[in-house]
């Protein structure tokens, strides 16, 4: 029975190419890894995950001048590092404080060093008008300053 299987495989094997030839190259693990990494980077750049200036999958340090609003797109995250920030929203809904598990209504204080999620809509933070300085905020995702 075993001899018949071996005979069957050898009878139908492709003998037109030699292992290691141009038609059937032998490649190293390093080559395969580098090609896979290159393809992954290409796909990430197509999806806009390469980051830089307004949208990134990494935390980006953003300085928000006084009198300016930082608007984070849907699903974006922010952490206020310095300054006194107030929640901003174009409607009556607020931001999600994931650190305390609370909803922050527009115009209310956003705690420093708290992870804040913008679930949807034009929402973000602005510097408290009672202070004369801007904000330093860590942002993950697409954002704009208005």
N, C-alpha and C. Protein backbone atom coordinates (compact mmCIF):
# COMPACT_ATOMS: atom_id res chain seq x y z
N UNK A 1 0.82 -1.18 0.00
CA UNK A 1 0.00 0.00 0.00
C UNK A 1 0.87 1.26 0.00
N UNK A 2 1.93 1.27 0.82
CA UNK A 2 2.79 2.44 0.89
C UNK A 2 3.53 2.62 -0.43
N UNK A 3 3.98 1.56 -1.04
CA UNK A 3 4.67 1.64 -2.32
C UNK A 3 3.79 2.22 -3.40
N UNK A 4 2.49 1.93 -3.36
CA UNK A 4 1.57 2.44 -4.37
C UNK A 4 1.41 3.95 -4.24
N UNK A 5 1.36 4.46 -2.99
CA UNK A 5 1.22 5.91 -2.76
C UNK A 5 2.47 6.63 -3.27
N UNK A 6 3.66 6.09 -2.95
CA UNK A 6 4.90 6.69 -3.42
C UNK A 6 4.99 6.69 -4.92
N UNK A 7 4.57 5.62 -5.57
CA UNK A 7 4.57 5.53 -7.03
C UNK A 7 3.60 6.56 -7.61
N UNK A 8 2.45 6.72 -7.00
CA UNK A 8 1.45 7.69 -7.46
C UNK A 8 1.99 9.11 -7.38
N UNK A 9 2.65 9.47 -6.24
CA UNK A 9 3.19 10.82 -6.08
C UNK A 9 4.30 11.10 -7.08
N UNK A 10 5.19 10.16 -7.26
CA UNK A 10 6.30 10.40 -8.17
C UNK A 10 5.83 10.43 -9.63
N UNK A 11 4.78 9.72 -9.95
CA UNK A 11 4.29 9.70 -11.31
C UNK A 11 3.69 11.05 -11.70
N UNK A 12 3.12 11.77 -10.71
CA UNK A 12 2.46 13.04 -11.01
C UNK A 12 3.25 14.25 -10.53
N UNK A 13 4.45 14.08 -10.04
CA UNK A 13 5.27 15.20 -9.60
C UNK A 13 5.72 16.01 -10.80
N UNK A 14 5.83 17.34 -10.60
CA UNK A 14 6.27 18.23 -11.66
C UNK A 14 7.79 18.14 -11.75
N UNK A 15 8.28 17.58 -12.81
CA UNK A 15 9.73 17.41 -12.98
C UNK A 15 10.33 18.49 -13.85
N UNK A 16 9.54 19.48 -14.24
CA UNK A 16 10.04 20.51 -15.14
C UNK A 16 10.89 21.55 -14.43
N UNK A 17 10.81 21.63 -13.10
CA UNK A 17 11.62 22.63 -12.40
C UNK A 17 12.47 21.97 -11.33
N UNK A 18 13.62 22.51 -11.13
CA UNK A 18 14.56 22.01 -10.14
C UNK A 18 14.51 22.92 -8.92
N UNK A 19 14.41 22.36 -7.72
CA UNK A 19 14.40 23.21 -6.52
C UNK A 19 15.63 24.11 -6.49
N UNK A 20 15.42 25.39 -6.24
CA UNK A 20 16.51 26.35 -6.20
C UNK A 20 16.74 27.05 -7.52
N UNK A 21 16.04 26.63 -8.57
CA UNK A 21 16.20 27.28 -9.87
C UNK A 21 15.31 28.53 -9.93
N UNK A 22 15.36 29.25 -11.03
CA UNK A 22 14.54 30.44 -11.23
C UNK A 22 13.06 30.09 -11.20
N UNK A 23 12.71 28.90 -11.73
CA UNK A 23 11.31 28.48 -11.75
C UNK A 23 10.81 28.02 -10.38
N UNK A 24 11.71 27.60 -9.50
CA UNK A 24 11.34 27.12 -8.17
C UNK A 24 12.39 27.60 -7.17
N UNK A 25 12.37 28.92 -6.83
CA UNK A 25 13.43 29.45 -5.97
C UNK A 25 13.28 29.01 -4.51
N UNK A 26 14.40 28.92 -3.85
CA UNK A 26 14.44 28.66 -2.42
C UNK A 26 14.65 30.02 -1.75
N UNK A 27 13.79 30.36 -0.78
CA UNK A 27 13.92 31.64 -0.10
C UNK A 27 14.16 31.42 1.38
N UNK A 28 14.77 32.41 2.01
CA UNK A 28 15.06 32.31 3.44
C UNK A 28 13.90 32.87 4.25
N UNK A 29 13.87 32.53 5.51
CA UNK A 29 12.85 33.06 6.42
C UNK A 29 12.97 34.59 6.51
N UNK A 30 14.19 35.08 6.53
CA UNK A 30 14.41 36.53 6.60
C UNK A 30 13.79 37.24 5.41
N UNK A 31 13.92 36.67 4.23
CA UNK A 31 13.33 37.27 3.03
C UNK A 31 11.82 37.30 3.13
N UNK A 32 11.24 36.18 3.56
CA UNK A 32 9.77 36.12 3.69
C UNK A 32 9.31 37.14 4.74
N UNK A 33 10.00 37.21 5.89
CA UNK A 33 9.63 38.17 6.94
C UNK A 33 9.68 39.60 6.43
N UNK A 34 10.72 39.94 5.67
CA UNK A 34 10.85 41.31 5.17
C UNK A 34 9.75 41.63 4.15
N UNK A 35 9.40 40.67 3.32
CA UNK A 35 8.34 40.90 2.34
C UNK A 35 6.97 41.06 3.03
N UNK A 36 6.72 40.25 4.05
CA UNK A 36 5.46 40.36 4.79
C UNK A 36 5.40 41.72 5.50
N UNK A 37 6.49 42.14 6.13
CA UNK A 37 6.53 43.44 6.80
C UNK A 37 6.27 44.58 5.82
N UNK A 38 6.84 44.48 4.64
CA UNK A 38 6.64 45.50 3.61
C UNK A 38 5.17 45.57 3.20
N UNK A 39 4.54 44.42 3.00
CA UNK A 39 3.13 44.39 2.62
C UNK A 39 2.23 44.93 3.73
N UNK A 40 2.57 44.63 4.98
CA UNK A 40 1.79 45.14 6.12
C UNK A 40 1.90 46.67 6.16
N UNK A 41 3.10 47.20 5.99
CA UNK A 41 3.29 48.66 5.99
C UNK A 41 2.49 49.32 4.87
N UNK A 42 2.46 48.70 3.69
CA UNK A 42 1.69 49.24 2.58
C UNK A 42 0.21 49.29 2.92
N UNK A 43 -0.31 48.22 3.53
CA UNK A 43 -1.73 48.19 3.91
C UNK A 43 -2.04 49.22 4.98
N UNK A 44 -1.14 49.37 5.96
CA UNK A 44 -1.36 50.36 7.02
C UNK A 44 -1.37 51.78 6.45
N UNK A 45 -0.48 52.07 5.51
CA UNK A 45 -0.45 53.40 4.92
C UNK A 45 -1.70 53.67 4.08
N UNK A 46 -2.26 52.63 3.46
CA UNK A 46 -3.52 52.78 2.72
C UNK A 46 -4.65 53.15 3.65
N UNK A 47 -4.60 52.63 4.88
CA UNK A 47 -5.66 52.88 5.85
C UNK A 47 -5.42 54.14 6.66
N UNK A 48 -4.33 54.83 6.42
CA UNK A 48 -4.06 56.08 7.12
C UNK A 48 -3.51 55.88 8.51
N UNK A 49 -2.99 54.72 8.82
CA UNK A 49 -2.49 54.45 10.16
C UNK A 49 -1.03 54.85 10.32
N UNK A 50 -0.43 55.44 9.32
CA UNK A 50 0.97 55.81 9.43
C UNK A 50 1.16 57.06 10.27
N UNK A 51 0.08 57.82 10.50
CA UNK A 51 0.12 58.94 11.43
C UNK A 51 0.70 60.20 10.84
N UNK A 52 0.90 61.17 11.74
CA UNK A 52 1.49 62.44 11.36
C UNK A 52 0.47 63.52 11.10
N UNK A 53 0.58 64.61 11.87
CA UNK A 53 -0.19 65.82 11.63
C UNK A 53 -1.69 65.67 11.53
N UNK A 54 -2.31 65.19 12.53
CA UNK A 54 -3.76 65.20 12.54
C UNK A 54 -4.42 63.85 12.57
N UNK A 55 -3.70 62.80 12.59
CA UNK A 55 -4.34 61.50 12.72
C UNK A 55 -3.31 60.42 12.87
N UNK A 56 -3.41 59.66 13.95
CA UNK A 56 -2.42 58.65 14.19
C UNK A 56 -2.97 57.58 15.10
N UNK A 57 -2.39 56.39 15.02
CA UNK A 57 -2.77 55.34 15.95
C UNK A 57 -1.94 55.44 17.23
N UNK A 58 -0.92 56.30 17.23
CA UNK A 58 -0.10 56.53 18.42
C UNK A 58 -0.58 57.80 19.11
N UNK A 59 -0.25 57.94 20.39
CA UNK A 59 -0.56 59.18 21.10
C UNK A 59 0.35 60.28 20.57
N UNK A 60 -0.26 61.40 20.25
CA UNK A 60 0.47 62.54 19.71
C UNK A 60 0.29 63.73 20.65
N UNK A 61 1.39 64.43 20.96
CA UNK A 61 1.32 65.60 21.82
C UNK A 61 0.84 66.79 20.99
N UNK A 62 -0.26 67.42 21.45
CA UNK A 62 -0.83 68.56 20.73
C UNK A 62 -0.92 69.75 21.70
N UNK A 63 -0.41 70.88 21.26
CA UNK A 63 -0.54 72.12 22.03
C UNK A 63 -1.76 72.85 21.49
N UNK A 64 -2.70 73.14 22.39
CA UNK A 64 -3.94 73.82 22.02
C UNK A 64 -3.85 75.26 22.53
N UNK A 65 -3.67 76.24 21.64
CA UNK A 65 -3.57 77.63 22.09
C UNK A 65 -4.87 78.09 22.76
N UNK A 66 -4.74 79.05 23.67
CA UNK A 66 -5.91 79.61 24.35
C UNK A 66 -6.85 80.19 23.29
N UNK A 67 -8.14 79.95 23.44
CA UNK A 67 -9.13 80.44 22.50
C UNK A 67 -9.38 79.50 21.32
N UNK A 68 -8.69 78.36 21.31
CA UNK A 68 -8.82 77.38 20.24
C UNK A 68 -9.45 76.10 20.80
N UNK A 69 -10.23 75.44 19.97
CA UNK A 69 -10.85 74.17 20.36
C UNK A 69 -10.13 73.02 19.67
N UNK A 70 -9.93 71.94 20.39
CA UNK A 70 -9.39 70.70 19.84
C UNK A 70 -10.58 69.78 19.61
N UNK A 71 -10.87 69.48 18.35
CA UNK A 71 -11.99 68.60 17.99
C UNK A 71 -11.41 67.25 17.59
N UNK A 72 -11.86 66.20 18.27
CA UNK A 72 -11.40 64.84 18.00
C UNK A 72 -12.51 64.11 17.25
N UNK A 73 -12.15 63.45 16.17
CA UNK A 73 -13.13 62.73 15.36
C UNK A 73 -13.69 61.52 16.10
N UNK A 74 -14.72 60.92 15.53
CA UNK A 74 -15.40 59.77 16.13
C UNK A 74 -14.43 58.69 16.56
N UNK A 75 -14.55 58.23 17.81
CA UNK A 75 -13.71 57.17 18.32
C UNK A 75 -12.34 57.62 18.77
N UNK A 76 -12.04 58.91 18.66
CA UNK A 76 -10.74 59.42 19.07
C UNK A 76 -10.62 59.49 20.59
N UNK A 77 -9.38 59.49 21.06
CA UNK A 77 -9.11 59.55 22.49
C UNK A 77 -8.21 60.73 22.79
N UNK A 78 -8.34 61.27 24.00
CA UNK A 78 -7.46 62.35 24.42
C UNK A 78 -7.20 62.26 25.91
N UNK A 79 -6.07 62.82 26.31
CA UNK A 79 -5.68 62.94 27.71
C UNK A 79 -5.16 64.35 27.90
N UNK A 80 -5.81 65.13 28.76
CA UNK A 80 -5.34 66.49 29.05
C UNK A 80 -4.18 66.37 30.02
N UNK A 81 -3.02 66.90 29.63
CA UNK A 81 -1.83 66.82 30.47
C UNK A 81 -1.63 68.10 31.28
N UNK A 82 -1.71 69.27 30.64
CA UNK A 82 -1.54 70.52 31.38
C UNK A 82 -2.62 71.50 30.97
N UNK A 83 -2.97 72.36 31.90
CA UNK A 83 -4.01 73.36 31.66
C UNK A 83 -5.35 72.90 32.20
N UNK A 84 -6.28 73.82 32.23
CA UNK A 84 -7.64 73.53 32.70
C UNK A 84 -8.54 73.46 31.48
N UNK A 85 -9.06 72.26 31.18
CA UNK A 85 -9.83 72.03 29.95
C UNK A 85 -11.31 71.87 30.26
N UNK A 86 -12.13 72.39 29.34
CA UNK A 86 -13.58 72.22 29.41
C UNK A 86 -14.02 71.38 28.21
N UNK A 87 -15.03 70.54 28.44
CA UNK A 87 -15.57 69.72 27.36
C UNK A 87 -16.29 70.62 26.37
N UNK A 88 -16.13 70.30 25.09
CA UNK A 88 -16.82 71.03 24.03
C UNK A 88 -17.61 70.04 23.19
N UNK A 89 -18.82 70.45 22.80
CA UNK A 89 -19.63 69.63 21.91
C UNK A 89 -20.51 70.55 21.08
N UNK A 90 -20.77 70.14 19.84
CA UNK A 90 -21.65 70.93 18.97
C UNK A 90 -23.12 70.65 19.28
N UNK A 91 -23.38 69.68 20.16
CA UNK A 91 -24.76 69.40 20.58
C UNK A 91 -24.79 69.23 22.10
N UNK A 92 -25.85 68.69 22.64
CA UNK A 92 -26.01 68.56 24.10
C UNK A 92 -25.27 67.36 24.69
N UNK A 93 -24.73 66.50 23.85
CA UNK A 93 -24.04 65.30 24.34
C UNK A 93 -22.59 65.63 24.67
N UNK A 94 -22.00 64.82 25.53
CA UNK A 94 -20.65 65.10 25.99
C UNK A 94 -19.63 64.06 25.60
N UNK A 95 -18.57 64.02 26.40
CA UNK A 95 -17.45 63.11 26.21
C UNK A 95 -17.51 62.00 27.25
N UNK A 96 -16.91 60.87 26.96
CA UNK A 96 -16.87 59.75 27.90
C UNK A 96 -15.54 59.76 28.66
N UNK A 97 -15.61 59.90 29.98
CA UNK A 97 -14.43 59.82 30.83
C UNK A 97 -14.25 58.36 31.19
N UNK A 98 -13.33 57.67 30.53
CA UNK A 98 -13.13 56.25 30.75
C UNK A 98 -12.41 55.96 32.07
N UNK A 99 -11.72 56.95 32.62
CA UNK A 99 -11.04 56.77 33.89
C UNK A 99 -12.04 56.67 35.04
N UNK A 100 -13.01 57.59 35.07
CA UNK A 100 -14.01 57.60 36.14
C UNK A 100 -15.32 56.94 35.73
N UNK A 101 -15.48 56.60 34.46
CA UNK A 101 -16.72 55.99 34.00
C UNK A 101 -17.89 56.97 34.00
N UNK A 102 -17.62 58.22 33.62
CA UNK A 102 -18.64 59.27 33.65
C UNK A 102 -18.83 59.89 32.27
N UNK A 103 -19.96 60.56 32.10
CA UNK A 103 -20.22 61.36 30.91
C UNK A 103 -19.95 62.82 31.28
N UNK A 104 -19.10 63.49 30.52
CA UNK A 104 -18.78 64.89 30.79
C UNK A 104 -19.61 65.76 29.85
N UNK A 105 -20.51 66.54 30.41
CA UNK A 105 -21.38 67.42 29.62
C UNK A 105 -20.58 68.61 29.08
N UNK A 106 -21.03 69.20 27.97
CA UNK A 106 -20.34 70.37 27.42
C UNK A 106 -20.23 71.49 28.45
N UNK A 107 -19.05 72.11 28.50
CA UNK A 107 -18.80 73.21 29.42
C UNK A 107 -18.30 72.77 30.79
N UNK A 108 -18.28 71.47 31.05
CA UNK A 108 -17.82 70.96 32.35
C UNK A 108 -16.32 70.66 32.29
N UNK A 109 -15.70 70.67 33.46
CA UNK A 109 -14.26 70.44 33.58
C UNK A 109 -13.89 69.01 33.18
N UNK A 110 -12.81 68.90 32.40
CA UNK A 110 -12.25 67.60 32.02
C UNK A 110 -11.02 67.38 32.91
N UNK A 111 -11.01 66.27 33.65
CA UNK A 111 -9.91 65.99 34.56
C UNK A 111 -8.59 65.74 33.84
N UNK A 112 -7.53 66.30 34.41
CA UNK A 112 -6.19 66.04 33.86
C UNK A 112 -5.82 64.58 34.09
N UNK A 113 -5.09 64.02 33.16
CA UNK A 113 -4.61 62.65 33.20
C UNK A 113 -5.73 61.61 33.17
N UNK A 114 -6.89 61.98 32.67
CA UNK A 114 -8.00 61.05 32.50
C UNK A 114 -8.10 60.67 31.03
N UNK A 115 -8.38 59.40 30.74
CA UNK A 115 -8.56 58.94 29.37
C UNK A 115 -9.98 59.30 28.94
N UNK A 116 -10.08 60.15 27.91
CA UNK A 116 -11.36 60.65 27.43
C UNK A 116 -11.61 60.10 26.03
N UNK A 117 -12.82 59.61 25.79
CA UNK A 117 -13.22 59.06 24.50
C UNK A 117 -14.29 59.94 23.89
N UNK A 118 -14.14 60.24 22.60
CA UNK A 118 -15.20 60.93 21.86
C UNK A 118 -15.99 59.86 21.12
N UNK A 119 -17.19 59.53 21.61
CA UNK A 119 -17.94 58.45 20.97
C UNK A 119 -18.41 58.79 19.56
N UNK A 120 -18.78 60.07 19.33
CA UNK A 120 -19.20 60.48 17.98
C UNK A 120 -19.45 61.98 17.95
N UNK A 121 -19.52 62.50 16.75
CA UNK A 121 -19.85 63.92 16.57
C UNK A 121 -18.68 64.86 16.77
N UNK A 122 -18.95 66.11 16.57
CA UNK A 122 -17.94 67.18 16.70
C UNK A 122 -17.76 67.53 18.18
N UNK A 123 -16.86 66.85 18.84
CA UNK A 123 -16.62 67.04 20.27
C UNK A 123 -15.14 67.11 20.55
N UNK A 124 -14.80 67.74 21.68
CA UNK A 124 -13.41 67.85 22.06
C UNK A 124 -13.26 68.66 23.32
N UNK A 125 -12.17 69.42 23.40
CA UNK A 125 -11.90 70.24 24.58
C UNK A 125 -11.44 71.63 24.15
N UNK A 126 -11.58 72.56 25.09
CA UNK A 126 -11.06 73.92 24.91
C UNK A 126 -10.53 74.39 26.25
N UNK A 127 -9.62 75.37 26.22
CA UNK A 127 -9.06 75.91 27.45
C UNK A 127 -10.12 76.71 28.18
N UNK A 128 -10.12 76.59 29.50
CA UNK A 128 -11.04 77.35 30.34
C UNK A 128 -10.80 78.85 30.11
N UNK A 129 -11.85 79.62 29.81
CA UNK A 129 -11.66 81.06 29.57
C UNK A 129 -11.13 81.81 30.78
N UNK A 130 -11.22 81.23 31.98
CA UNK A 130 -10.74 81.87 33.20
C UNK A 130 -9.23 81.78 33.34
N UNK A 131 -8.57 81.02 32.47
CA UNK A 131 -7.10 80.93 32.51
C UNK A 131 -6.54 81.62 31.28
N UNK A 132 -5.29 81.99 31.32
CA UNK A 132 -4.69 82.71 30.19
C UNK A 132 -3.79 81.83 29.34
N UNK A 133 -3.66 80.56 29.70
CA UNK A 133 -2.79 79.65 28.96
C UNK A 133 -3.62 78.66 28.17
N UNK A 134 -2.96 78.01 27.24
CA UNK A 134 -3.60 76.96 26.46
C UNK A 134 -3.49 75.62 27.16
N UNK A 135 -3.56 74.56 26.38
CA UNK A 135 -3.54 73.20 26.90
C UNK A 135 -2.46 72.37 26.23
N UNK A 136 -2.00 71.35 26.92
CA UNK A 136 -1.19 70.31 26.31
C UNK A 136 -2.00 69.03 26.43
N UNK A 137 -2.27 68.41 25.28
CA UNK A 137 -3.17 67.25 25.24
C UNK A 137 -2.51 66.14 24.43
N UNK A 138 -2.65 64.91 24.91
CA UNK A 138 -2.24 63.74 24.14
C UNK A 138 -3.47 63.27 23.37
N UNK A 139 -3.31 63.05 22.07
CA UNK A 139 -4.44 62.69 21.21
C UNK A 139 -4.12 61.42 20.43
N UNK A 140 -5.11 60.52 20.36
CA UNK A 140 -5.00 59.33 19.51
C UNK A 140 -6.18 59.40 18.52
N UNK A 141 -5.87 59.43 17.25
CA UNK A 141 -6.91 59.52 16.22
C UNK A 141 -6.84 60.84 15.49
N UNK A 142 -7.78 61.02 14.58
CA UNK A 142 -7.84 62.23 13.76
C UNK A 142 -8.40 63.37 14.58
N UNK A 143 -7.80 64.55 14.42
CA UNK A 143 -8.25 65.73 15.17
C UNK A 143 -8.05 66.98 14.31
N UNK A 144 -8.64 68.08 14.79
CA UNK A 144 -8.40 69.38 14.16
C UNK A 144 -8.49 70.46 15.22
N UNK A 145 -7.82 71.56 14.96
CA UNK A 145 -7.86 72.72 15.85
C UNK A 145 -8.70 73.79 15.16
N UNK A 146 -9.72 74.29 15.85
CA UNK A 146 -10.55 75.35 15.28
C UNK A 146 -10.62 76.53 16.22
